[in-house]
Amino acid sequence: MFGSQVPSVTAAEVPDGAYLLDVREQDEWDAGHAPGAHHLPMQEIPVRIEEVPADGDVIVVCRVGGRSSQVVNYLLNNGWDNVRNLTGGMKAWEAASRPMVTDDGNPARVI
């Protein structure tokens, strides 16, 4: 149903050891991401869905939470029951002073 609430967590509530699934585009990922996050752009989810763990905590993140919310809904509708949306996305992650890295050593930022 449109407007239904998806399971979610805040940046401060992300449990240690959670599988952080970053569904942003490559340029957004390259600019900065959470250490240990797994990059799987939103548009690739349908063909790479088997890469998403079916057990353990899976937290889905994008820039501000819209795309990741759609991915959580998609995964829930396809049998995953262990997925939650990161409320506020990487903008909230950054605002909560959670760690961020880049693969090229440049200062991390959210774009």
PDB file of N, CA and C in Angstrom:
ATOM      1  N   MET A   1       0.843  -1.180   0.000  1.00  0.00           N
ATOM      2  CA  MET A   1       0.000   0.000   0.000  1.00  0.00           C
ATOM      3  C   MET A   1       0.887   1.241   0.000  1.00  0.00           C
ATOM      4  N   PHE A   2       0.529   2.219  -0.802  1.00  0.00           N
ATOM      5  CA  PHE A   2       1.304   3.446  -0.874  1.00  0.00           C
ATOM      6  C   PHE A   2       1.283   4.143   0.476  1.00  0.00           C
ATOM      7  N   GLY A   3       2.478   4.595   0.908  1.00  0.00           N
ATOM      8  CA  GLY A   3       2.575   5.318   2.162  1.00  0.00           C
ATOM      9  C   GLY A   3       2.724   4.427   3.371  1.00  0.00           C
ATOM     10  N   SER A   4       2.739   3.118   3.168  1.00  0.00           N
ATOM     11  CA  SER A   4       2.891   2.235   4.321  1.00  0.00           C
ATOM     12  C   SER A   4       4.296   2.385   4.902  1.00  0.00           C
ATOM     13  N   GLN A   5       4.382   2.157   6.173  1.00  0.00           N
ATOM     14  CA  GLN A   5       5.651   2.302   6.857  1.00  0.00           C
ATOM     15  C   GLN A   5       6.510   1.051   6.660  1.00  0.00           C
ATOM     16  N   VAL A   6       7.786   1.262   6.407  1.00  0.00           N
ATOM     17  CA  VAL A   6       8.708   0.140   6.319  1.00  0.00           C
ATOM     18  C   VAL A   6       9.488   0.063   7.624  1.00  0.00           C
ATOM     19  N   PRO A   7       9.950  -1.128   7.994  1.00  0.00           N
ATOM     20  CA  PRO A   7      10.786  -1.231   9.190  1.00  0.00           C
ATOM     21  C   PRO A   7      12.014  -0.338   9.019  1.00  0.00           C
ATOM     22  N   SER A   8      12.381   0.389  10.064  1.00  0.00           N
ATOM     23  CA  SER A   8      13.500   1.316   9.929  1.00  0.00           C
ATOM     24  C   SER A   8      14.270   1.439  11.236  1.00  0.00           C
ATOM     25  N   VAL A   9      15.484   1.977  11.108  1.00  0.00           N
ATOM     26  CA  VAL A   9      16.338   2.283  12.249  1.00  0.00           C
ATOM     27  C   VAL A   9      16.994   3.627  11.997  1.00  0.00           C
ATOM     28  N   THR A  10      17.423   4.272  13.069  1.00  0.00           N
ATOM     29  CA  THR A  10      18.201   5.502  12.934  1.00  0.00           C
ATOM     30  C   THR A  10      19.683   5.127  12.834  1.00  0.00           C
ATOM     31  N   ALA A  11      20.497   6.089  12.462  1.00  0.00           N
ATOM     32  CA  ALA A  11      21.938   5.842  12.357  1.00  0.00           C
ATOM     33  C   ALA A  11      22.508   5.358  13.684  1.00  0.00           C
ATOM     34  N   ALA A  12      22.026   5.913  14.781  1.00  0.00           N
ATOM     35  CA  ALA A  12      22.525   5.523  16.105  1.00  0.00           C
ATOM     36  C   ALA A  12      22.093   4.116  16.494  1.00  0.00           C
ATOM     37  N   GLU A  13      21.031   3.611  15.887  1.00  0.00           N
ATOM     38  CA  GLU A  13      20.485   2.301  16.234  1.00  0.00           C
ATOM     39  C   GLU A  13      21.031   1.149  15.395  1.00  0.00           C
ATOM     40  N   VAL A  14      21.859   1.445  14.399  1.00  0.00           N
ATOM     41  CA  VAL A  14      22.388   0.378  13.547  1.00  0.00           C
ATOM     42  C   VAL A  14      23.233  -0.551  14.411  1.00  0.00           C
ATOM     43  N   PRO A  15      22.842  -1.827  14.496  1.00  0.00           N
ATOM     44  CA  PRO A  15      23.574  -2.743  15.373  1.00  0.00           C
ATOM     45  C   PRO A  15      24.963  -3.079  14.838  1.00  0.00           C
ATOM     46  N   ASP A  16      25.900  -3.299  15.751  1.00  0.00           N
ATOM     47  CA  ASP A  16      27.219  -3.758  15.347  1.00  0.00           C
ATOM     48  C   ASP A  16      27.057  -5.064  14.589  1.00  0.00           C
ATOM     49  N   GLY A  17      27.807  -5.221  13.528  1.00  0.00           N
ATOM     50  CA  GLY A  17      27.763  -6.452  12.761  1.00  0.00           C
ATOM     51  C   GLY A  17      26.647  -6.514  11.740  1.00  0.00           C
ATOM     52  N   ALA A  18      25.834  -5.452  11.641  1.00  0.00           N
ATOM     53  CA  ALA A  18      24.763  -5.446  10.645  1.00  0.00           C
ATOM     54  C   ALA A  18      25.368  -5.399   9.246  1.00  0.00           C
ATOM     55  N   TYR A  19      24.676  -5.986   8.304  1.00  0.00           N
ATOM     56  CA  TYR A  19      25.053  -5.935   6.891  1.00  0.00           C
ATOM     57  C   TYR A  19      24.466  -4.646   6.341  1.00  0.00           C
ATOM     58  N   LEU A  20      25.319  -3.671   6.045  1.00  0.00           N
ATOM     59  CA  LEU A  20      24.862  -2.376   5.548  1.00  0.00           C
ATOM     60  C   LEU A  20      24.865  -2.415   4.027  1.00  0.00           C
ATOM     61  N   LEU A  21      23.687  -2.363   3.442  1.00  0.00           N
ATOM     62  CA  LEU A  21      23.504  -2.453   1.993  1.00  0.00           C
ATOM     63  C   LEU A  21      23.277  -1.059   1.430  1.00  0.00           C
ATOM     64  N   ASP A  22      24.274  -0.538   0.725  1.00  0.00           N
ATOM     65  CA  ASP A  22      24.229   0.811   0.165  1.00  0.00           C
ATOM     66  C   ASP A  22      23.724   0.713  -1.272  1.00  0.00           C
ATOM     67  N   VAL A  23      22.550   1.302  -1.536  1.00  0.00           N
ATOM     68  CA  VAL A  23      21.918   1.175  -2.850  1.00  0.00           C
ATOM     69  C   VAL A  23      22.069   2.439  -3.707  1.00  0.00           C
ATOM     70  N   ARG A  24      22.997   3.314  -3.330  1.00  0.00           N
ATOM     71  CA  ARG A  24      23.213   4.548  -4.099  1.00  0.00           C
ATOM     72  C   ARG A  24      23.972   4.247  -5.394  1.00  0.00           C
ATOM     73  N   GLU A  25      24.046   5.253  -6.244  1.00  0.00           N
ATOM     74  CA  GLU A  25      24.775   5.133  -7.505  1.00  0.00           C
ATOM     75  C   GLU A  25      26.282   5.169  -7.251  1.00  0.00           C
ATOM     76  N   GLN A  26      27.043   4.769  -8.254  1.00  0.00           N
ATOM     77  CA  GLN A  26      28.499   4.644  -8.112  1.00  0.00           C
ATOM     78  C   GLN A  26      29.165   5.946  -7.675  1.00  0.00           C
ATOM     79  N   ASP A  27      28.765   7.088  -8.249  1.00  0.00           N
ATOM     80  CA  ASP A  27      29.406   8.351  -7.880  1.00  0.00           C
ATOM     81  C   ASP A  27      29.129   8.714  -6.418  1.00  0.00           C
ATOM     82  N   GLU A  28      27.952   8.381  -5.932  1.00  0.00           N
ATOM     83  CA  GLU A  28      27.613   8.643  -4.533  1.00  0.00           C
ATOM     84  C   GLU A  28      28.456   7.755  -3.614  1.00  0.00           C
ATOM     85  N   TRP A  29      28.575   6.493  -3.966  1.00  0.00           N
ATOM     86  CA  TRP A  29      29.401   5.536  -3.214  1.00  0.00           C
ATOM     87  C   TRP A  29      30.848   6.011  -3.183  1.00  0.00           C
ATOM     88  N   ASP A  30      31.374   6.401  -4.357  1.00  0.00           N
ATOM     89  CA  ASP A  30      32.766   6.834  -4.461  1.00  0.00           C
ATOM     90  C   ASP A  30      33.054   8.052  -3.590  1.00  0.00           C
ATOM     91  N   ALA A  31      32.068   8.943  -3.418  1.00  0.00           N
ATOM     92  CA  ALA A  31      32.254  10.157  -2.627  1.00  0.00           C
ATOM     93  C   ALA A  31      32.392   9.847  -1.139  1.00  0.00           C
ATOM     94  N   GLY A  32      31.765   8.784  -0.680  1.00  0.00           N
ATOM     95  CA  GLY A  32      31.867   8.404   0.725  1.00  0.00           C
ATOM     96  C   GLY A  32      30.816   7.390   1.103  1.00  0.00           C
ATOM     97  N   HIS A  33      31.226   6.411   1.903  1.00  0.00           N
ATOM     98  CA  HIS A  33      30.309   5.368   2.365  1.00  0.00           C
ATOM     99  C   HIS A  33      30.751   4.873   3.737  1.00  0.00           C
ATOM    100  N   ALA A  34      29.881   4.124   4.371  1.00  0.00           N
ATOM    101  CA  ALA A  34      30.196   3.565   5.685  1.00  0.00           C
ATOM    102  C   ALA A  34      31.249   2.464   5.530  1.00  0.00           C
ATOM    103  N   PRO A  35      32.207   2.378   6.458  1.00  0.00           N
ATOM    104  CA  PRO A  35      33.187   1.304   6.398  1.00  0.00           C
ATOM    105  C   PRO A  35      32.481  -0.056   6.466  1.00  0.00           C
ATOM    106  N   GLY A  36      32.890  -0.967   5.619  1.00  0.00           N
ATOM    107  CA  GLY A  36      32.309  -2.307   5.625  1.00  0.00           C
ATOM    108  C   GLY A  36      30.975  -2.427   4.920  1.00  0.00           C
ATOM    109  N   ALA A  37      30.453  -1.322   4.383  1.00  0.00           N
ATOM    110  CA  ALA A  37      29.180  -1.377   3.657  1.00  0.00           C
ATOM    111  C   ALA A  37      29.360  -2.167   2.362  1.00  0.00           C
ATOM    112  N   HIS A  38      28.256  -2.655   1.852  1.00  0.00           N
ATOM    113  CA  HIS A  38      28.236  -3.419   0.605  1.00  0.00           C
ATOM    114  C   HIS A  38      27.471  -2.608  -0.428  1.00  0.00           C
ATOM    115  N   HIS A  39      28.091  -2.389  -1.590  1.00  0.00           N
ATOM    116  CA  HIS A  39      27.487  -1.549  -2.609  1.00  0.00           C
ATOM    117  C   HIS A  39      26.715  -2.397  -3.613  1.00  0.00           C
ATOM    118  N   LEU A  40      25.435  -2.095  -3.752  1.00  0.00           N
ATOM    119  CA  LEU A  40      24.579  -2.760  -4.726  1.00  0.00           C
ATOM    120  C   LEU A  40      23.543  -1.730  -5.173  1.00  0.00           C
ATOM    121  N   PRO A  41      23.813  -1.032  -6.287  1.00  0.00           N
ATOM    122  CA  PRO A  41      22.902   0.027  -6.724  1.00  0.00           C
ATOM    123  C   PRO A  41      21.457  -0.459  -6.860  1.00  0.00           C
ATOM    124  N   MET A  42      20.539   0.412  -6.517  1.00  0.00           N
ATOM    125  CA  MET A  42      19.113   0.083  -6.502  1.00  0.00           C
ATOM    126  C   MET A  42      18.655  -0.612  -7.777  1.00  0.00           C
ATOM    127  N   GLN A  43      19.057  -0.100  -8.923  1.00  0.00           N
ATOM    128  CA  GLN A  43      18.579  -0.662 -10.192  1.00  0.00           C
ATOM    129  C   GLN A  43      19.082  -2.080 -10.439  1.00  0.00           C
ATOM    130  N   GLU A  44      20.121  -2.500  -9.717  1.00  0.00           N
ATOM    131  CA  GLU A  44      20.667  -3.843  -9.899  1.00  0.00           C
ATOM    132  C   GLU A  44      20.067  -4.869  -8.932  1.00  0.00           C
ATOM    133  N   ILE A  45      19.277  -4.413  -7.972  1.00  0.00           N
ATOM    134  CA  ILE A  45      18.702  -5.321  -6.962  1.00  0.00           C
ATOM    135  C   ILE A  45      17.950  -6.491  -7.607  1.00  0.00           C
ATOM    136  N   PRO A  46      17.044  -6.259  -8.565  1.00  0.00           N
ATOM    137  CA  PRO A  46      16.285  -7.398  -9.105  1.00  0.00           C
ATOM    138  C   PRO A  46      17.157  -8.513  -9.689  1.00  0.00           C
ATOM    139  N   VAL A  47      18.245  -8.170 -10.344  1.00  0.00           N
ATOM    140  CA  VAL A  47      19.074  -9.213 -10.966  1.00  0.00           C
ATOM    141  C   VAL A  47      20.159  -9.738 -10.041  1.00  0.00           C
ATOM    142  N   ARG A  48      20.381  -9.057  -8.922  1.00  0.00           N
ATOM    143  CA  ARG A  48      21.415  -9.491  -7.976  1.00  0.00           C
ATOM    144  C   ARG A  48      20.842  -9.751  -6.586  1.00  0.00           C
ATOM    145  N   ILE A  49      19.535  -9.974  -6.519  1.00  0.00           N
ATOM    146  CA  ILE A  49      18.842 -10.110  -5.236  1.00  0.00           C
ATOM    147  C   ILE A  49      19.436 -11.215  -4.372  1.00  0.00           C
ATOM    148  N   GLU A  50      19.983 -12.258  -4.991  1.00  0.00           N
ATOM    149  CA  GLU A  50      20.548 -13.373  -4.220  1.00  0.00           C
ATOM    150  C   GLU A  50      21.778 -12.948  -3.418  1.00  0.00           C
ATOM    151  N   GLU A  51      22.340 -11.786  -3.703  1.00  0.00           N
ATOM    152  CA  GLU A  51      23.493 -11.279  -2.957  1.00  0.00           C
ATOM    153  C   GLU A  51      23.086 -10.680  -1.600  1.00  0.00           C
ATOM    154  N   VAL A  52      21.799 -10.423  -1.419  1.00  0.00           N
ATOM    155  CA  VAL A  52      21.315  -9.842  -0.166  1.00  0.00           C
ATOM    156  C   VAL A  52      21.108 -10.972   0.841  1.00  0.00           C
ATOM    157  N   PRO A  53      21.793 -10.917   1.985  1.00  0.00           N
ATOM    158  CA  PRO A  53      21.636 -11.986   2.975  1.00  0.00           C
ATOM    159  C   PRO A  53      20.183 -12.134   3.435  1.00  0.00           C
ATOM    160  N   ALA A  54      19.774 -13.373   3.605  1.00  0.00           N
ATOM    161  CA  ALA A  54      18.415 -13.650   4.059  1.00  0.00           C
ATOM    162  C   ALA A  54      18.345 -13.816   5.576  1.00  0.00           C
ATOM    163  N   ASP A  55      19.492 -13.725   6.241  1.00  0.00           N
ATOM    164  CA  ASP A  55      19.494 -13.816   7.699  1.00  0.00           C
ATOM    165  C   ASP A  55      20.411 -12.740   8.263  1.00  0.00           C
ATOM    166  N   GLY A  56      20.298 -12.490   9.548  1.00  0.00           N
ATOM    167  CA  GLY A  56      21.050 -11.402  10.171  1.00  0.00           C
ATOM    168  C   GLY A  56      20.402 -10.064   9.865  1.00  0.00           C
ATOM    169  N   ASP A  57      20.914  -9.022  10.501  1.00  0.00           N
ATOM    170  CA  ASP A  57      20.383  -7.676  10.287  1.00  0.00           C
ATOM    171  C   ASP A  57      20.907  -7.103   8.979  1.00  0.00           C
ATOM    172  N   VAL A  58      19.996  -6.714   8.090  1.00  0.00           N
ATOM    173  CA  VAL A  58      20.357  -6.036   6.846  1.00  0.00           C
ATOM    174  C   VAL A  58      19.744  -4.644   6.904  1.00  0.00           C
ATOM    175  N   ILE A  59      20.614  -3.635   6.891  1.00  0.00           N
ATOM    176  CA  ILE A  59      20.176  -2.243   6.922  1.00  0.00           C
ATOM    177  C   ILE A  59      20.443  -1.656   5.539  1.00  0.00           C
ATOM    178  N   VAL A  60      19.395  -1.140   4.900  1.00  0.00           N
ATOM    179  CA  VAL A  60      19.493  -0.601   3.547  1.00  0.00           C
ATOM    180  C   VAL A  60      19.594   0.921   3.644  1.00  0.00           C
ATOM    181  N   VAL A  61      20.558   1.480   2.893  1.00  0.00           N
ATOM    182  CA  VAL A  61      20.823   2.915   2.981  1.00  0.00           C
ATOM    183  C   VAL A  61      20.978   3.526   1.585  1.00  0.00           C
ATOM    184  N   CYS A  62      20.497   4.763   1.452  1.00  0.00           N
ATOM    185  CA  CYS A  62      20.738   5.577   0.255  1.00  0.00           C
ATOM    186  C   CYS A  62      21.133   6.972   0.752  1.00  0.00           C
ATOM    187  N   ARG A  63      20.877   7.998  -0.006  1.00  0.00           N
ATOM    188  CA  ARG A  63      21.277   9.345   0.409  1.00  0.00           C
ATOM    189  C   ARG A  63      20.415   9.872   1.557  1.00  0.00           C
ATOM    190  N   VAL A  64      19.080   9.825   1.390  1.00  0.00           N
ATOM    191  CA  VAL A  64      18.197  10.365   2.426  1.00  0.00           C
ATOM    192  C   VAL A  64      17.101   9.399   2.879  1.00  0.00           C
ATOM    193  N   GLY A  65      17.018   8.228   2.303  1.00  0.00           N
ATOM    194  CA  GLY A  65      16.075   7.221   2.761  1.00  0.00           C
ATOM    195  C   GLY A  65      14.956   6.844   1.817  1.00  0.00           C
ATOM    196  N   GLY A  66      14.779   7.553   0.716  1.00  0.00           N
ATOM    197  CA  GLY A  66      13.693   7.250  -0.219  1.00  0.00           C
ATOM    198  C   GLY A  66      13.932   5.993  -1.037  1.00  0.00           C
ATOM    199  N   ARG A  67      15.084   5.936  -1.701  1.00  0.00           N
ATOM    200  CA  ARG A  67      15.393   4.761  -2.519  1.00  0.00           C
ATOM    201  C   ARG A  67      15.535   3.522  -1.654  1.00  0.00           C
ATOM    202  N   SER A  68      16.193   3.671  -0.507  1.00  0.00           N
ATOM    203  CA  SER A  68      16.384   2.514   0.363  1.00  0.00           C
ATOM    204  C   SER A  68      15.051   2.004   0.893  1.00  0.00           C
ATOM    205  N   SER A  69      14.104   2.887   1.138  1.00  0.00           N
ATOM    206  CA  SER A  69      12.772   2.478   1.568  1.00  0.00           C
ATOM    207  C   SER A  69      12.101   1.633   0.486  1.00  0.00           C
ATOM    208  N   GLN A  70      12.245   2.027  -0.769  1.00  0.00           N
ATOM    209  CA  GLN A  70      11.691   1.256  -1.885  1.00  0.00           C
ATOM    210  C   GLN A  70      12.345  -0.126  -1.964  1.00  0.00           C
ATOM    211  N   VAL A  71      13.659  -0.180  -1.745  1.00  0.00           N
ATOM    212  CA  VAL A  71      14.371  -1.458  -1.779  1.00  0.00           C
ATOM    213  C   VAL A  71      13.904  -2.354  -0.635  1.00  0.00           C
ATOM    214  N   VAL A  72      13.735  -1.787   0.559  1.00  0.00           N
ATOM    215  CA  VAL A  72      13.235  -2.573   1.689  1.00  0.00           C
ATOM    216  C   VAL A  72      11.866  -3.164   1.340  1.00  0.00           C
ATOM    217  N   ASN A  73      10.969  -2.349   0.797  1.00  0.00           N
ATOM    218  CA  ASN A  73       9.652  -2.854   0.386  1.00  0.00           C
ATOM    219  C   ASN A  73       9.781  -3.977  -0.633  1.00  0.00           C
ATOM    220  N   TYR A  74      10.650  -3.797  -1.606  1.00  0.00           N
ATOM    221  CA  TYR A  74      10.862  -4.811  -2.642  1.00  0.00           C
ATOM    222  C   TYR A  74      11.359  -6.121  -2.022  1.00  0.00           C
ATOM    223  N   LEU A  75      12.331  -6.018  -1.134  1.00  0.00           N
ATOM    224  CA  LEU A  75      12.868  -7.219  -0.492  1.00  0.00           C
ATOM    225  C   LEU A  75      11.817  -7.893   0.391  1.00  0.00           C
ATOM    226  N   LEU A  76      11.051  -7.109   1.140  1.00  0.00           N
ATOM    227  CA  LEU A  76       9.984  -7.675   1.971  1.00  0.00           C
ATOM    228  C   LEU A  76       8.979  -8.438   1.107  1.00  0.00           C
ATOM    229  N   ASN A  77       8.652  -7.871  -0.040  1.00  0.00           N
ATOM    230  CA  ASN A  77       7.697  -8.510  -0.948  1.00  0.00           C
ATOM    231  C   ASN A  77       8.272  -9.740  -1.643  1.00  0.00           C
ATOM    232  N   ASN A  78       9.582  -9.927  -1.551  1.00  0.00           N
ATOM    233  CA  ASN A  78      10.228 -11.078  -2.171  1.00  0.00           C
ATOM    234  C   ASN A  78      10.762 -12.073  -1.145  1.00  0.00           C
ATOM    235  N   GLY A  79      10.249 -12.000   0.079  1.00  0.00           N
ATOM    236  CA  GLY A  79      10.541 -13.020   1.068  1.00  0.00           C
ATOM    237  C   GLY A  79      11.567 -12.687   2.130  1.00  0.00           C
ATOM    238  N   TRP A  80      12.209 -11.532   2.051  1.00  0.00           N
ATOM    239  CA  TRP A  80      13.166 -11.148   3.090  1.00  0.00           C
ATOM    240  C   TRP A  80      12.387 -10.587   4.276  1.00  0.00           C
ATOM    241  N   ASP A  81      12.760 -10.978   5.481  1.00  0.00           N
ATOM    242  CA  ASP A  81      12.084 -10.434   6.655  1.00  0.00           C
ATOM    243  C   ASP A  81      13.079  -9.818   7.635  1.00  0.00           C
ATOM    244  N   ASN A  82      14.315  -9.660   7.184  1.00  0.00           N
ATOM    245  CA  ASN A  82      15.395  -9.192   8.045  1.00  0.00           C
ATOM    246  C   ASN A  82      15.948  -7.834   7.607  1.00  0.00           C
ATOM    247  N   VAL A  83      15.174  -7.084   6.835  1.00  0.00           N
ATOM    248  CA  VAL A  83      15.664  -5.832   6.261  1.00  0.00           C
ATOM    249  C   VAL A  83      14.982  -4.631   6.908  1.00  0.00           C
ATOM    250  N   ARG A  84      15.775  -3.564   7.086  1.00  0.00           N
ATOM    251  CA  ARG A  84      15.249  -2.310   7.635  1.00  0.00           C
ATOM    252  C   ARG A  84      15.880  -1.143   6.879  1.00  0.00           C
ATOM    253  N   ASN A  85      15.165  -0.065   6.824  1.00  0.00           N
ATOM    254  CA  ASN A  85      15.618   1.154   6.166  1.00  0.00           C
ATOM    255  C   ASN A  85      16.383   2.029   7.157  1.00  0.00           C
ATOM    256  N   LEU A  86      17.459   2.649   6.698  1.00  0.00           N
ATOM    257  CA  LEU A  86      18.171   3.619   7.526  1.00  0.00           C
ATOM    258  C   LEU A  86      17.495   4.973   7.357  1.00  0.00           C
ATOM    259  N   THR A  87      16.754   5.385   8.365  1.00  0.00           N
ATOM    260  CA  THR A  87      16.025   6.653   8.337  1.00  0.00           C
ATOM    261  C   THR A  87      16.999   7.811   8.099  1.00  0.00           C
ATOM    262  N   GLY A  88      16.709   8.608   7.083  1.00  0.00           N
ATOM    263  CA  GLY A  88      17.550   9.765   6.785  1.00  0.00           C
ATOM    264  C   GLY A  88      18.784   9.447   5.967  1.00  0.00           C
ATOM    265  N   GLY A  89      19.019   8.165   5.696  1.00  0.00           N
ATOM    266  CA  GLY A  89      20.109   7.743   4.825  1.00  0.00           C
ATOM    267  C   GLY A  89      21.495   8.189   5.266  1.00  0.00           C
ATOM    268  N   MET A  90      22.375   8.310   4.285  1.00  0.00           N
ATOM    269  CA  MET A  90      23.757   8.696   4.568  1.00  0.00           C
ATOM    270  C   MET A  90      23.860  10.121   5.094  1.00  0.00           C
ATOM    271  N   LYS A  91      22.892  10.977   4.787  1.00  0.00           N
ATOM    272  CA  LYS A  91      22.888  12.327   5.361  1.00  0.00           C
ATOM    273  C   LYS A  91      22.744  12.230   6.884  1.00  0.00           C
ATOM    274  N   ALA A  92      21.862  11.350   7.358  1.00  0.00           N
ATOM    275  CA  ALA A  92      21.681  11.161   8.801  1.00  0.00           C
ATOM    276  C   ALA A  92      22.900  10.452   9.396  1.00  0.00           C
ATOM    277  N   TRP A  93      23.478   9.515   8.663  1.00  0.00           N
ATOM    278  CA  TRP A  93      24.689   8.808   9.110  1.00  0.00           C
ATOM    279  C   TRP A  93      25.805   9.829   9.358  1.00  0.00           C
ATOM    280  N   GLU A  94      26.000  10.718   8.383  1.00  0.00           N
ATOM    281  CA  GLU A  94      27.024  11.760   8.493  1.00  0.00           C
ATOM    282  C   GLU A  94      26.710  12.702   9.659  1.00  0.00           C
ATOM    283  N   ALA A  95      25.459  13.122   9.789  1.00  0.00           N
ATOM    284  CA  ALA A  95      25.059  14.039  10.866  1.00  0.00           C
ATOM    285  C   ALA A  95      25.251  13.414  12.245  1.00  0.00           C
ATOM    286  N   ALA A  96      25.167  12.082  12.323  1.00  0.00           N
ATOM    287  CA  ALA A  96      25.358  11.375  13.588  1.00  0.00           C
ATOM    288  C   ALA A  96      26.837  11.098  13.866  1.00  0.00           C
ATOM    289  N   SER A  97      27.705  11.653  13.021  1.00  0.00           N
ATOM    290  CA  SER A  97      29.167  11.483  13.143  1.00  0.00           C
ATOM    291  C   SER A  97      29.590  10.016  13.098  1.00  0.00           C
ATOM    292  N   ARG A  98      28.843   9.209  12.323  1.00  0.00           N
ATOM    293  CA  ARG A  98      29.241   7.823  12.112  1.00  0.00           C
ATOM    294  C   ARG A  98      30.392   7.823  11.096  1.00  0.00           C
ATOM    295  N   PRO A  99      31.285   6.842  11.154  1.00  0.00           N
ATOM    296  CA  PRO A  99      32.454   6.859  10.272  1.00  0.00           C
ATOM    297  C   PRO A  99      32.091   6.714   8.797  1.00  0.00           C
ATOM    298  N   MET A 100      32.880   7.377   7.969  1.00  0.00           N
ATOM    299  CA  MET A 100      32.737   7.291   6.516  1.00  0.00           C
ATOM    300  C   MET A 100      34.124   7.179   5.901  1.00  0.00           C
ATOM    301  N   VAL A 101      34.205   6.472   4.786  1.00  0.00           N
ATOM    302  CA  VAL A 101      35.471   6.269   4.089  1.00  0.00           C
ATOM    303  C   VAL A 101      35.266   6.419   2.590  1.00  0.00           C
ATOM    304  N   THR A 102      36.385   6.507   1.885  1.00  0.00           N
ATOM    305  CA  THR A 102      36.386   6.420   0.427  1.00  0.00           C
ATOM    306  C   THR A 102      37.399   5.353   0.041  1.00  0.00           C
ATOM    307  N   ASP A 103      37.271   4.854  -1.166  1.00  0.00           N
ATOM    308  CA  ASP A 103      38.220   3.856  -1.638  1.00  0.00           C
ATOM    309  C   ASP A 103      39.494   4.484  -2.203  1.00  0.00           C
ATOM    310  N   ASP A 104      39.464   5.792  -2.462  1.00  0.00           N
ATOM    311  CA  ASP A 104      40.631   6.456  -3.046  1.00  0.00           C
ATOM    312  C   ASP A 104      41.402   7.325  -2.046  1.00  0.00           C
ATOM    313  N   GLY A 105      40.983   7.321  -0.791  1.00  0.00           N
ATOM    314  CA  GLY A 105      41.697   8.063   0.241  1.00  0.00           C
ATOM    315  C   GLY A 105      41.306   9.524   0.367  1.00  0.00           C
ATOM    316  N   ASN A 106      40.437  10.019  -0.514  1.00  0.00           N
ATOM    317  CA  ASN A 106      39.970  11.398  -0.400  1.00  0.00           C
ATOM    318  C   ASN A 106      39.026  11.531   0.788  1.00  0.00           C
ATOM    319  N   PRO A 107      38.846  12.744   1.318  1.00  0.00           N
ATOM    320  CA  PRO A 107      37.897  12.921   2.414  1.00  0.00           C
ATOM    321  C   PRO A 107      36.494  12.480   2.002  1.00  0.00           C
ATOM    322  N   ALA A 108      35.834  11.751   2.866  1.00  0.00           N
ATOM    323  CA  ALA A 108      34.498  11.240   2.566  1.00  0.00           C
ATOM    324  C   ALA A 108      33.459  12.343   2.716  1.00  0.00           C
ATOM    325  N   ARG A 109      32.468  12.310   1.847  1.00  0.00           N
ATOM    326  CA  ARG A 109      31.353  13.248   1.910  1.00  0.00           C
ATOM    327  C   ARG A 109      30.127  12.590   1.305  1.00  0.00           C
ATOM    328  N   VAL A 110      28.959  13.132   1.596  1.00  0.00           N
ATOM    329  CA  VAL A 110      27.714  12.642   1.021  1.00  0.00           C
ATOM    330  C   VAL A 110      27.288  13.595  -0.086  1.00  0.00           C
ATOM    331  N   ILE A 111      27.076  13.031  -1.268  1.00  0.00           N
ATOM    332  CA  ILE A 111      26.606  13.852  -2.389  1.00  0.00           C
ATOM    333  C   ILE A 111      25.235  13.371  -2.832  1.00  0.00           C
TER     334      ILE A 111
END
